[in-house]
């Protein structure tokens, strides 16, 4: 009886459970979220919007790839998974270098070194944590497929991707207020760069 009552729970309860699961699993620190925060801290809000938009779009692409089952097919191709991992690691190391060496905001008149929309997109699609986290949330929600259909789940998760990265970006801009001071700027940027590399290494662990 209890099982039947649970299966007949209103769809809004299932949606709330999906949102909470996404917030905990997808919103936890990882290469994409930490990079957005670090970019926001190093370069400020406006210069970071293009990069963050790239991360959001790339993560949404990962959502669609996982939902369609394409990811499982791709990782079965010999040599492709290690290649993606290496490419992701190289770009993240480059990004960490750009963050660590970013000048204080007051001195930054050159926009050439700021991460781009394409850079954010590429990091997102090569981010190992994204596939694992999104796959876990979708798998957890699959039991309620009769209550909350796949299109609705995808829309909710896409909205959560936008909200999660927007919040991480805003968190980074809080630190940006301190980055007009050269010493504080260097320390905070180095911490973020090291955190980005560390979270990427942890995400890549089997």
N, C-alpha and C. Protein backbone atom coordinates (compact mmCIF):
# COMPACT_ATOMS: atom_id res chain seq x y z
N UNK A 1 0.83 -1.20 0.00
CA UNK A 1 0.00 0.00 0.00
C UNK A 1 0.86 1.25 0.00
N UNK A 2 1.91 1.22 0.84
CA UNK A 2 2.78 2.39 0.92
C UNK A 2 3.45 2.65 -0.41
N UNK A 3 3.86 1.56 -1.10
CA UNK A 3 4.50 1.71 -2.40
C UNK A 3 3.58 2.32 -3.42
N UNK A 4 2.28 1.89 -3.37
CA UNK A 4 1.32 2.45 -4.31
C UNK A 4 1.06 3.93 -4.05
N UNK A 5 1.00 4.30 -2.77
CA UNK A 5 0.77 5.69 -2.41
C UNK A 5 1.92 6.56 -2.89
N UNK A 6 3.15 6.03 -2.77
CA UNK A 6 4.32 6.77 -3.22
C UNK A 6 4.32 6.96 -4.72
N UNK A 7 3.93 5.92 -5.43
CA UNK A 7 3.93 5.99 -6.90
C UNK A 7 2.88 6.96 -7.40
N UNK A 8 1.85 7.23 -6.55
CA UNK A 8 0.81 8.14 -6.96
C UNK A 8 1.02 9.55 -6.43
N UNK A 9 2.22 9.83 -5.92
CA UNK A 9 2.52 11.16 -5.38
C UNK A 9 2.37 12.20 -6.48
N UNK A 10 1.90 13.41 -6.12
CA UNK A 10 1.73 14.47 -7.12
C UNK A 10 3.02 14.75 -7.85
N UNK A 11 2.92 15.13 -9.11
CA UNK A 11 4.10 15.34 -9.92
C UNK A 11 4.98 16.45 -9.38
N UNK A 12 4.39 17.44 -8.67
CA UNK A 12 5.22 18.51 -8.14
C UNK A 12 6.20 17.99 -7.09
N UNK A 13 5.81 16.95 -6.36
CA UNK A 13 6.73 16.36 -5.39
C UNK A 13 7.90 15.68 -6.09
N UNK A 14 7.60 15.02 -7.20
CA UNK A 14 8.67 14.39 -7.97
C UNK A 14 9.59 15.46 -8.58
N UNK A 15 9.00 16.55 -9.03
CA UNK A 15 9.80 17.64 -9.58
C UNK A 15 10.70 18.24 -8.51
N UNK A 16 10.17 18.42 -7.31
CA UNK A 16 10.96 18.95 -6.21
C UNK A 16 12.11 18.02 -5.87
N UNK A 17 11.85 16.72 -5.86
CA UNK A 17 12.90 15.74 -5.60
C UNK A 17 13.99 15.82 -6.68
N UNK A 18 13.56 16.02 -7.94
CA UNK A 18 14.51 16.13 -9.03
C UNK A 18 15.37 17.39 -8.88
N UNK A 19 14.75 18.49 -8.52
CA UNK A 19 15.48 19.75 -8.32
C UNK A 19 16.50 19.62 -7.19
N UNK A 20 16.08 19.00 -6.09
CA UNK A 20 16.98 18.83 -4.95
C UNK A 20 18.16 17.91 -5.31
N UNK A 21 17.86 16.84 -6.03
CA UNK A 21 18.93 15.93 -6.45
C UNK A 21 19.92 16.64 -7.37
N UNK A 22 19.39 17.44 -8.30
CA UNK A 22 20.26 18.17 -9.22
C UNK A 22 21.11 19.19 -8.47
N UNK A 23 20.51 19.87 -7.49
CA UNK A 23 21.25 20.88 -6.72
C UNK A 23 22.41 20.25 -5.96
N UNK A 24 22.17 19.07 -5.38
CA UNK A 24 23.20 18.41 -4.59
C UNK A 24 24.28 17.77 -5.47
N UNK A 25 23.84 17.02 -6.47
CA UNK A 25 24.79 16.24 -7.29
C UNK A 25 25.46 17.10 -8.36
N UNK A 26 24.65 17.82 -9.14
CA UNK A 26 25.20 18.62 -10.23
C UNK A 26 25.77 19.94 -9.74
N UNK A 27 25.27 20.44 -8.60
CA UNK A 27 25.72 21.73 -8.10
C UNK A 27 26.95 21.66 -7.23
N UNK A 28 27.42 20.46 -6.92
CA UNK A 28 28.61 20.32 -6.08
C UNK A 28 29.86 20.78 -6.83
N UNK A 29 30.93 21.12 -6.11
CA UNK A 29 32.15 21.61 -6.78
C UNK A 29 32.70 20.61 -7.79
N UNK A 30 33.07 21.10 -8.93
CA UNK A 30 33.64 20.29 -10.00
C UNK A 30 34.39 21.20 -10.96
N UNK A 31 35.00 20.65 -11.99
CA UNK A 31 35.77 21.48 -12.93
C UNK A 31 34.99 22.65 -13.52
N UNK A 32 33.74 22.42 -13.94
CA UNK A 32 32.97 23.48 -14.58
C UNK A 32 32.56 24.55 -13.58
N UNK A 33 31.98 24.13 -12.44
CA UNK A 33 31.50 25.11 -11.47
C UNK A 33 32.64 25.90 -10.85
N UNK A 34 33.73 25.23 -10.51
CA UNK A 34 34.88 25.94 -9.93
C UNK A 34 35.50 26.89 -10.96
N UNK A 35 35.55 26.46 -12.22
CA UNK A 35 36.14 27.33 -13.25
C UNK A 35 35.30 28.60 -13.43
N UNK A 36 33.97 28.45 -13.37
CA UNK A 36 33.09 29.62 -13.50
C UNK A 36 33.33 30.59 -12.34
N UNK A 37 33.43 30.04 -11.13
CA UNK A 37 33.69 30.89 -9.96
C UNK A 37 35.05 31.57 -10.07
N UNK A 38 36.04 30.80 -10.49
CA UNK A 38 37.40 31.35 -10.61
C UNK A 38 37.48 32.44 -11.67
N UNK A 39 36.80 32.22 -12.79
CA UNK A 39 36.78 33.22 -13.86
C UNK A 39 36.08 34.48 -13.37
N UNK A 40 34.97 34.30 -12.66
CA UNK A 40 34.25 35.45 -12.12
C UNK A 40 35.10 36.25 -11.15
N UNK A 41 35.88 35.54 -10.33
CA UNK A 41 36.75 36.22 -9.37
C UNK A 41 37.91 36.91 -10.06
N UNK A 42 38.47 36.27 -11.07
CA UNK A 42 39.66 36.81 -11.72
C UNK A 42 39.36 37.95 -12.68
N UNK A 43 38.20 37.90 -13.34
CA UNK A 43 37.93 38.87 -14.41
C UNK A 43 36.68 39.73 -14.19
N UNK A 44 35.88 39.42 -13.14
CA UNK A 44 34.67 40.20 -12.91
C UNK A 44 33.47 39.60 -13.62
N UNK A 45 32.29 40.17 -13.35
CA UNK A 45 31.04 39.59 -13.84
C UNK A 45 30.88 39.67 -15.34
N UNK A 46 30.90 40.87 -15.90
CA UNK A 46 30.63 41.03 -17.34
C UNK A 46 31.60 40.26 -18.23
N UNK A 47 32.92 40.37 -17.99
CA UNK A 47 33.85 39.64 -18.86
C UNK A 47 33.72 38.12 -18.75
N UNK A 48 33.03 37.65 -17.71
CA UNK A 48 32.91 36.21 -17.49
C UNK A 48 31.62 35.62 -18.07
N UNK A 49 30.72 36.48 -18.55
CA UNK A 49 29.42 35.99 -19.01
C UNK A 49 29.53 35.11 -20.24
N UNK A 50 30.42 35.46 -21.17
CA UNK A 50 30.57 34.63 -22.38
C UNK A 50 31.08 33.24 -22.03
N UNK A 51 32.11 33.19 -21.18
CA UNK A 51 32.65 31.90 -20.77
C UNK A 51 31.58 31.08 -20.06
N UNK A 52 30.86 31.71 -19.13
CA UNK A 52 29.82 31.00 -18.39
C UNK A 52 28.71 30.50 -19.31
N UNK A 53 28.36 31.31 -20.31
CA UNK A 53 27.35 30.88 -21.28
C UNK A 53 27.82 29.64 -22.04
N UNK A 54 29.12 29.61 -22.37
CA UNK A 54 29.68 28.44 -23.03
C UNK A 54 29.60 27.20 -22.16
N UNK A 55 29.90 27.36 -20.86
CA UNK A 55 29.81 26.24 -19.93
C UNK A 55 28.37 25.74 -19.82
N UNK A 56 27.43 26.67 -19.73
CA UNK A 56 26.01 26.31 -19.61
C UNK A 56 25.55 25.55 -20.85
N UNK A 57 25.88 26.07 -22.02
CA UNK A 57 25.46 25.41 -23.26
C UNK A 57 26.14 24.04 -23.40
N UNK A 58 27.42 23.98 -23.06
CA UNK A 58 28.13 22.71 -23.14
C UNK A 58 27.57 21.67 -22.18
N UNK A 59 27.23 22.10 -20.96
CA UNK A 59 26.66 21.17 -19.98
C UNK A 59 25.27 20.72 -20.42
N UNK A 60 24.52 21.62 -21.04
CA UNK A 60 23.21 21.24 -21.58
C UNK A 60 23.37 20.21 -22.70
N UNK A 61 24.41 20.38 -23.51
CA UNK A 61 24.70 19.39 -24.55
C UNK A 61 25.02 18.03 -23.93
N UNK A 62 25.77 18.04 -22.83
CA UNK A 62 26.06 16.79 -22.12
C UNK A 62 24.77 16.14 -21.62
N UNK A 63 23.87 16.96 -21.10
CA UNK A 63 22.57 16.46 -20.64
C UNK A 63 21.84 15.72 -21.76
N UNK A 64 21.81 16.32 -22.94
CA UNK A 64 21.11 15.69 -24.07
C UNK A 64 21.82 14.42 -24.54
N UNK A 65 23.15 14.47 -24.52
CA UNK A 65 23.94 13.30 -24.94
C UNK A 65 23.70 12.13 -23.99
N UNK A 66 23.71 12.41 -22.68
CA UNK A 66 23.49 11.35 -21.70
C UNK A 66 22.07 10.81 -21.81
N UNK A 67 21.09 11.72 -21.94
CA UNK A 67 19.69 11.29 -22.03
C UNK A 67 19.44 10.44 -23.26
N UNK A 68 20.15 10.73 -24.34
CA UNK A 68 19.96 9.97 -25.58
C UNK A 68 20.76 8.67 -25.60
N UNK A 69 21.57 8.46 -24.60
CA UNK A 69 22.38 7.24 -24.55
C UNK A 69 23.59 7.27 -25.45
N UNK A 70 23.90 8.46 -26.00
CA UNK A 70 25.03 8.56 -26.93
C UNK A 70 26.35 8.42 -26.20
N UNK A 71 26.40 8.88 -24.94
CA UNK A 71 27.64 8.84 -24.19
C UNK A 71 28.15 7.42 -24.04
N UNK A 72 27.23 6.48 -23.75
CA UNK A 72 27.64 5.09 -23.61
C UNK A 72 28.24 4.54 -24.89
N UNK A 73 27.71 4.98 -26.02
CA UNK A 73 28.25 4.53 -27.31
C UNK A 73 29.64 5.13 -27.56
N UNK A 74 29.81 6.41 -27.18
CA UNK A 74 31.08 7.08 -27.43
C UNK A 74 32.22 6.48 -26.62
N UNK A 75 31.95 6.22 -25.33
CA UNK A 75 33.03 5.69 -24.48
C UNK A 75 33.41 4.27 -24.85
N UNK A 76 32.55 3.61 -25.63
CA UNK A 76 32.88 2.25 -26.06
C UNK A 76 33.85 2.25 -27.25
N UNK A 77 34.06 3.42 -27.86
CA UNK A 77 35.01 3.52 -28.98
C UNK A 77 36.42 3.45 -28.41
N UNK A 78 37.25 2.50 -28.85
CA UNK A 78 38.59 2.34 -28.29
C UNK A 78 39.43 3.61 -28.43
N UNK A 79 40.01 4.02 -27.31
CA UNK A 79 40.92 5.15 -27.33
C UNK A 79 40.26 6.52 -27.23
N UNK A 80 38.95 6.61 -27.39
CA UNK A 80 38.29 7.93 -27.40
C UNK A 80 38.22 8.52 -26.00
N UNK A 81 37.86 7.71 -25.01
CA UNK A 81 37.72 8.21 -23.64
C UNK A 81 39.04 8.79 -23.11
N UNK A 82 40.18 8.07 -23.26
CA UNK A 82 41.45 8.65 -22.81
C UNK A 82 41.80 9.94 -23.56
N UNK A 83 41.46 10.00 -24.84
CA UNK A 83 41.75 11.20 -25.63
C UNK A 83 40.97 12.40 -25.11
N UNK A 84 39.69 12.19 -24.80
CA UNK A 84 38.88 13.26 -24.24
C UNK A 84 39.41 13.70 -22.88
N UNK A 85 39.85 12.75 -22.08
CA UNK A 85 40.38 13.06 -20.75
C UNK A 85 41.64 13.91 -20.86
N UNK A 86 42.54 13.53 -21.77
CA UNK A 86 43.79 14.28 -21.96
C UNK A 86 43.49 15.69 -22.47
N UNK A 87 42.60 15.79 -23.45
CA UNK A 87 42.25 17.10 -24.00
C UNK A 87 41.65 18.00 -22.93
N UNK A 88 40.79 17.43 -22.09
CA UNK A 88 40.19 18.19 -21.00
C UNK A 88 41.25 18.65 -20.00
N UNK A 89 42.16 17.74 -19.66
CA UNK A 89 43.21 18.07 -18.68
C UNK A 89 44.11 19.18 -19.20
N UNK A 90 44.46 19.13 -20.47
CA UNK A 90 45.34 20.16 -21.05
C UNK A 90 44.66 21.53 -21.00
N UNK A 91 43.39 21.57 -21.39
CA UNK A 91 42.70 22.87 -21.38
C UNK A 91 42.52 23.39 -19.96
N UNK A 92 42.20 22.51 -19.03
CA UNK A 92 41.99 22.94 -17.65
C UNK A 92 43.30 23.46 -17.05
N UNK A 93 44.41 22.83 -17.37
CA UNK A 93 45.71 23.33 -16.91
C UNK A 93 46.00 24.71 -17.50
N UNK A 94 45.67 24.89 -18.78
CA UNK A 94 45.83 26.21 -19.41
C UNK A 94 44.94 27.24 -18.73
N UNK A 95 43.69 26.85 -18.45
CA UNK A 95 42.75 27.75 -17.80
C UNK A 95 43.24 28.12 -16.40
N UNK A 96 43.75 27.12 -15.67
CA UNK A 96 44.28 27.38 -14.33
C UNK A 96 45.46 28.36 -14.40
N UNK A 97 46.28 28.23 -15.43
CA UNK A 97 47.40 29.16 -15.61
C UNK A 97 46.89 30.58 -15.86
N UNK A 98 45.86 30.70 -16.72
CA UNK A 98 45.30 32.02 -17.01
C UNK A 98 44.72 32.67 -15.75
N UNK A 99 44.07 31.85 -14.91
CA UNK A 99 43.49 32.37 -13.68
C UNK A 99 44.59 32.79 -12.70
N UNK A 100 45.60 31.92 -12.56
CA UNK A 100 46.68 32.19 -11.60
C UNK A 100 47.48 33.44 -11.97
N UNK A 101 47.58 33.73 -13.27
CA UNK A 101 48.39 34.87 -13.71
C UNK A 101 47.55 36.09 -14.07
N UNK A 102 46.24 36.04 -13.83
CA UNK A 102 45.39 37.19 -14.14
C UNK A 102 45.80 38.39 -13.31
N UNK A 103 45.90 39.58 -13.91
CA UNK A 103 46.30 40.77 -13.15
C UNK A 103 45.16 41.27 -12.29
N UNK A 104 45.45 42.14 -11.31
CA UNK A 104 44.36 42.76 -10.54
C UNK A 104 43.37 43.43 -11.47
N UNK A 105 42.10 43.42 -11.11
CA UNK A 105 41.06 43.92 -12.00
C UNK A 105 41.30 45.35 -12.43
N UNK A 106 41.82 46.18 -11.53
CA UNK A 106 42.03 47.58 -11.86
C UNK A 106 43.08 47.77 -12.93
N UNK A 107 43.97 46.78 -13.07
CA UNK A 107 45.06 46.89 -14.04
C UNK A 107 44.76 46.17 -15.33
N UNK A 108 43.62 45.48 -15.41
CA UNK A 108 43.37 44.61 -16.55
C UNK A 108 42.69 45.37 -17.68
N UNK A 109 43.45 45.93 -18.53
CA UNK A 109 42.87 46.61 -19.68
C UNK A 109 42.88 45.76 -20.92
N UNK A 110 43.53 44.60 -20.87
CA UNK A 110 43.65 43.73 -22.03
C UNK A 110 42.64 42.60 -21.92
N UNK A 111 41.77 42.47 -22.91
CA UNK A 111 40.74 41.41 -22.88
C UNK A 111 41.17 40.16 -23.63
N UNK A 112 42.34 40.17 -24.22
CA UNK A 112 42.75 39.04 -25.06
C UNK A 112 42.89 37.75 -24.28
N UNK A 113 43.32 37.85 -22.99
CA UNK A 113 43.56 36.64 -22.22
C UNK A 113 42.34 36.09 -21.52
N UNK A 114 41.20 36.76 -21.65
CA UNK A 114 40.01 36.30 -20.96
C UNK A 114 39.44 35.06 -21.64
N UNK A 115 39.04 34.05 -20.84
CA UNK A 115 38.47 32.83 -21.42
C UNK A 115 37.23 33.14 -22.26
N UNK A 116 37.04 32.36 -23.31
CA UNK A 116 36.00 32.64 -24.30
C UNK A 116 34.79 31.71 -24.16
N UNK A 117 33.76 32.01 -24.93
CA UNK A 117 32.58 31.16 -24.99
C UNK A 117 32.97 29.75 -25.43
N UNK A 118 33.79 29.65 -26.48
CA UNK A 118 34.21 28.34 -26.98
C UNK A 118 35.00 27.58 -25.93
N UNK A 119 35.86 28.28 -25.21
CA UNK A 119 36.62 27.62 -24.14
C UNK A 119 35.71 27.03 -23.08
N UNK A 120 34.67 27.78 -22.68
CA UNK A 120 33.72 27.27 -21.70
C UNK A 120 32.95 26.08 -22.22
N UNK A 121 32.55 26.14 -23.48
CA UNK A 121 31.81 25.04 -24.09
C UNK A 121 32.66 23.77 -24.14
N UNK A 122 33.91 23.92 -24.57
CA UNK A 122 34.80 22.75 -24.68
C UNK A 122 35.09 22.14 -23.32
N UNK A 123 35.29 22.99 -22.31
CA UNK A 123 35.53 22.44 -20.97
C UNK A 123 34.32 21.65 -20.49
N UNK A 124 33.13 22.18 -20.74
CA UNK A 124 31.90 21.52 -20.27
C UNK A 124 31.72 20.15 -20.93
N UNK A 125 31.92 20.07 -22.23
CA UNK A 125 31.67 18.80 -22.92
C UNK A 125 32.77 17.78 -22.63
N UNK A 126 33.93 18.25 -22.17
CA UNK A 126 35.01 17.32 -21.83
C UNK A 126 35.12 17.10 -20.33
N UNK A 127 34.16 17.61 -19.57
CA UNK A 127 34.18 17.52 -18.11
C UNK A 127 33.66 16.15 -17.66
N UNK A 128 34.51 15.30 -17.08
CA UNK A 128 34.05 13.95 -16.70
C UNK A 128 32.97 13.97 -15.63
N UNK A 129 33.02 14.95 -14.71
CA UNK A 129 32.03 14.99 -13.64
C UNK A 129 30.61 15.22 -14.18
N UNK A 130 30.51 16.01 -15.26
CA UNK A 130 29.20 16.33 -15.80
C UNK A 130 28.45 15.07 -16.22
N UNK A 131 29.15 14.16 -16.91
CA UNK A 131 28.51 12.94 -17.40
C UNK A 131 28.06 12.06 -16.23
N UNK A 132 28.94 11.95 -15.23
CA UNK A 132 28.62 11.11 -14.08
C UNK A 132 27.45 11.69 -13.28
N UNK A 133 27.52 13.01 -13.01
CA UNK A 133 26.49 13.65 -12.19
C UNK A 133 25.13 13.65 -12.89
N UNK A 134 25.12 14.04 -14.16
CA UNK A 134 23.86 14.07 -14.90
C UNK A 134 23.29 12.66 -15.06
N UNK A 135 24.16 11.71 -15.35
CA UNK A 135 23.72 10.32 -15.47
C UNK A 135 23.10 9.82 -14.18
N UNK A 136 23.70 10.19 -13.02
CA UNK A 136 23.18 9.75 -11.73
C UNK A 136 21.81 10.36 -11.45
N UNK A 137 21.65 11.65 -11.76
CA UNK A 137 20.36 12.31 -11.52
C UNK A 137 19.28 11.74 -12.42
N UNK A 138 19.60 11.53 -13.69
CA UNK A 138 18.62 10.96 -14.62
C UNK A 138 18.24 9.54 -14.22
N UNK A 139 19.22 8.76 -13.78
CA UNK A 139 18.95 7.39 -13.37
C UNK A 139 18.06 7.37 -12.13
N UNK A 140 18.33 8.29 -11.20
CA UNK A 140 17.53 8.36 -9.99
C UNK A 140 16.10 8.77 -10.27
N UNK A 141 15.90 9.57 -11.33
CA UNK A 141 14.56 10.05 -11.66
C UNK A 141 13.81 9.10 -12.58
N UNK A 142 14.48 8.09 -13.12
CA UNK A 142 13.85 7.21 -14.11
C UNK A 142 12.72 6.39 -13.51
N UNK A 143 12.76 6.15 -12.19
CA UNK A 143 11.69 5.38 -11.55
C UNK A 143 10.36 6.12 -11.57
N UNK A 144 10.43 7.46 -11.71
CA UNK A 144 9.20 8.25 -11.75
C UNK A 144 8.86 8.67 -13.18
N UNK A 145 9.35 7.91 -14.15
CA UNK A 145 9.14 8.29 -15.55
C UNK A 145 7.67 8.37 -15.92
N UNK A 146 6.83 7.57 -15.22
CA UNK A 146 5.41 7.60 -15.53
C UNK A 146 4.73 8.85 -14.98
N UNK A 147 5.35 9.47 -13.97
CA UNK A 147 4.80 10.69 -13.37
C UNK A 147 5.39 11.93 -14.00
N UNK A 148 6.70 11.95 -14.13
CA UNK A 148 7.41 13.09 -14.73
C UNK A 148 8.13 12.58 -15.97
N UNK A 149 7.62 12.92 -17.14
CA UNK A 149 8.18 12.42 -18.39
C UNK A 149 9.57 12.96 -18.67
N UNK A 150 10.25 12.33 -19.62
CA UNK A 150 11.62 12.72 -19.97
C UNK A 150 11.71 14.17 -20.44
N UNK A 151 10.82 14.67 -21.31
CA UNK A 151 10.92 16.08 -21.72
C UNK A 151 10.87 17.05 -20.54
N UNK A 152 9.99 16.76 -19.58
CA UNK A 152 9.89 17.62 -18.40
C UNK A 152 11.16 17.56 -17.57
N UNK A 153 11.69 16.34 -17.40
CA UNK A 153 12.93 16.19 -16.63
C UNK A 153 14.08 16.94 -17.30
N UNK A 154 14.15 16.87 -18.62
CA UNK A 154 15.22 17.57 -19.33
C UNK A 154 15.09 19.09 -19.18
N UNK A 155 13.86 19.59 -19.25
CA UNK A 155 13.65 21.03 -19.08
C UNK A 155 14.03 21.48 -17.68
N UNK A 156 13.65 20.69 -16.68
CA UNK A 156 13.99 21.04 -15.30
C UNK A 156 15.50 21.03 -15.10
N UNK A 157 16.16 20.02 -15.60
CA UNK A 157 17.61 19.92 -15.43
C UNK A 157 18.35 21.00 -16.21
N UNK A 158 17.83 21.37 -17.39
CA UNK A 158 18.44 22.46 -18.15
C UNK A 158 18.33 23.77 -17.37
N UNK A 159 17.18 24.00 -16.75
CA UNK A 159 17.00 25.20 -15.93
C UNK A 159 17.93 25.17 -14.73
N UNK A 160 18.13 24.00 -14.15
CA UNK A 160 19.04 23.87 -13.01
C UNK A 160 20.49 24.12 -13.42
N UNK A 161 20.85 23.73 -14.63
CA UNK A 161 22.20 23.99 -15.13
C UNK A 161 22.46 25.50 -15.19
N UNK A 162 21.48 26.24 -15.70
CA UNK A 162 21.61 27.70 -15.77
C UNK A 162 21.71 28.28 -14.37
N UNK A 163 20.81 27.87 -13.47
CA UNK A 163 20.78 28.43 -12.12
C UNK A 163 22.05 28.11 -11.34
N UNK A 164 22.51 26.87 -11.44
CA UNK A 164 23.71 26.45 -10.70
C UNK A 164 24.92 27.27 -11.11
N UNK A 165 25.13 27.41 -12.41
CA UNK A 165 26.32 28.12 -12.87
C UNK A 165 26.21 29.63 -12.64
N UNK A 166 24.98 30.15 -12.68
CA UNK A 166 24.79 31.57 -12.36
C UNK A 166 25.17 31.84 -10.91
N UNK A 167 24.78 30.94 -10.01
CA UNK A 167 25.10 31.12 -8.59
C UNK A 167 26.60 31.00 -8.34
N UNK A 168 27.25 30.05 -8.99
CA UNK A 168 28.70 29.92 -8.83
C UNK A 168 29.43 31.14 -9.39
N UNK A 169 28.92 31.69 -10.49
CA UNK A 169 29.53 32.90 -11.06
C UNK A 169 29.37 34.07 -10.09
N UNK A 170 28.18 34.24 -9.53
CA UNK A 170 27.94 35.33 -8.58
C UNK A 170 28.83 35.18 -7.35
N UNK A 171 29.04 33.93 -6.93
CA UNK A 171 29.94 33.69 -5.80
C UNK A 171 31.35 34.17 -6.13
N UNK A 172 31.78 33.95 -7.36
CA UNK A 172 33.10 34.40 -7.77
C UNK A 172 33.23 35.91 -7.79
N UNK A 173 32.16 36.58 -8.18
CA UNK A 173 32.23 38.05 -8.25
C UNK A 173 32.32 38.68 -6.87
N UNK A 174 31.90 37.93 -5.83
CA UNK A 174 32.08 38.43 -4.46
C UNK A 174 33.57 38.56 -4.16
N UNK A 175 34.34 37.56 -4.59
CA UNK A 175 35.79 37.63 -4.41
C UNK A 175 36.41 38.71 -5.26
N UNK A 176 35.78 39.02 -6.39
CA UNK A 176 36.35 40.01 -7.31
C UNK A 176 36.51 41.37 -6.65
N UNK A 177 35.70 41.65 -5.64
CA UNK A 177 35.81 42.93 -4.94
C UNK A 177 37.16 43.07 -4.24
N UNK A 178 37.75 41.93 -3.89
CA UNK A 178 39.04 41.96 -3.20
C UNK A 178 40.21 42.02 -4.16
N UNK A 179 39.94 41.80 -5.45
CA UNK A 179 41.03 41.60 -6.39
C UNK A 179 41.61 42.88 -6.97
N UNK A 180 41.18 44.02 -6.47
CA UNK A 180 41.83 45.26 -6.86
C UNK A 180 43.14 45.44 -6.09
N UNK A 181 43.27 44.69 -5.00
CA UNK A 181 44.51 44.69 -4.23
C UNK A 181 45.44 43.64 -4.83
N UNK A 182 46.64 44.04 -5.28
CA UNK A 182 47.53 43.09 -5.99
C UNK A 182 47.84 41.83 -5.19
N UNK A 183 48.13 41.96 -3.89
CA UNK A 183 48.49 40.78 -3.09
C UNK A 183 47.28 39.86 -2.92
N UNK A 184 46.13 40.44 -2.57
CA UNK A 184 44.92 39.63 -2.41
C UNK A 184 44.55 38.98 -3.74
N UNK A 185 44.72 39.72 -4.83
CA UNK A 185 44.42 39.19 -6.17
C UNK A 185 45.26 37.96 -6.47
N UNK A 186 46.56 38.06 -6.22
CA UNK A 186 47.44 36.93 -6.52
C UNK A 186 47.11 35.72 -5.66
N UNK A 187 46.87 35.93 -4.37
CA UNK A 187 46.59 34.81 -3.46
C UNK A 187 45.29 34.11 -3.85
N UNK A 188 44.22 34.89 -4.07
CA UNK A 188 42.92 34.30 -4.39
C UNK A 188 42.96 33.59 -5.73
N UNK A 189 43.60 34.19 -6.71
CA UNK A 189 43.69 33.56 -8.03
C UNK A 189 44.47 32.25 -7.97
N UNK A 190 45.54 32.23 -7.18
CA UNK A 190 46.33 31.00 -7.03
C UNK A 190 45.50 29.91 -6.34
N UNK A 191 44.73 30.31 -5.33
CA UNK A 191 43.88 29.33 -4.63
C UNK A 191 42.84 28.74 -5.59
N UNK A 192 42.21 29.61 -6.37
CA UNK A 192 41.20 29.13 -7.32
C UNK A 192 41.83 28.24 -8.39
N UNK A 193 43.00 28.62 -8.88
CA UNK A 193 43.67 27.81 -9.90
C UNK A 193 44.00 26.42 -9.35
N UNK A 194 44.52 26.38 -8.12
CA UNK A 194 44.85 25.09 -7.50
C UNK A 194 43.59 24.27 -7.25
N UNK A 195 42.51 24.92 -6.82
CA UNK A 195 41.25 24.21 -6.58
C UNK A 195 40.69 23.64 -7.87
N UNK A 196 40.81 24.39 -8.96
CA UNK A 196 40.34 23.91 -10.25
C UNK A 196 41.07 22.64 -10.67
N UNK A 197 42.40 22.64 -10.53
CA UNK A 197 43.20 21.47 -10.89
C UNK A 197 42.85 20.29 -9.97
N UNK A 198 42.67 20.57 -8.67
CA UNK A 198 42.37 19.50 -7.71
C UNK A 198 41.01 18.87 -7.99
N UNK A 199 39.98 19.70 -8.21
CA UNK A 199 38.64 19.15 -8.46
C UNK A 199 38.60 18.37 -9.77
N UNK A 200 39.39 18.80 -10.75
CA UNK A 200 39.46 18.06 -12.01
C UNK A 200 40.11 16.70 -11.80
N UNK A 201 41.19 16.67 -11.02
CA UNK A 201 41.87 15.40 -10.73
C UNK A 201 40.93 14.45 -9.99
N UNK A 202 40.17 14.97 -9.02
CA UNK A 202 39.25 14.12 -8.28
C UNK A 202 38.11 13.62 -9.16
N UNK A 203 37.63 14.48 -10.06
CA UNK A 203 36.54 14.09 -10.95
C UNK A 203 36.98 13.01 -11.93
N UNK A 204 38.27 13.00 -12.28
CA UNK A 204 38.77 12.05 -13.26
C UNK A 204 39.07 10.69 -12.65
N UNK A 205 39.10 10.63 -11.30
CA UNK A 205 39.37 9.35 -10.65
C UNK A 205 38.23 8.38 -10.90
N UNK A 206 38.55 7.10 -11.13
CA UNK A 206 37.50 6.11 -11.36
C UNK A 206 36.68 5.86 -10.11
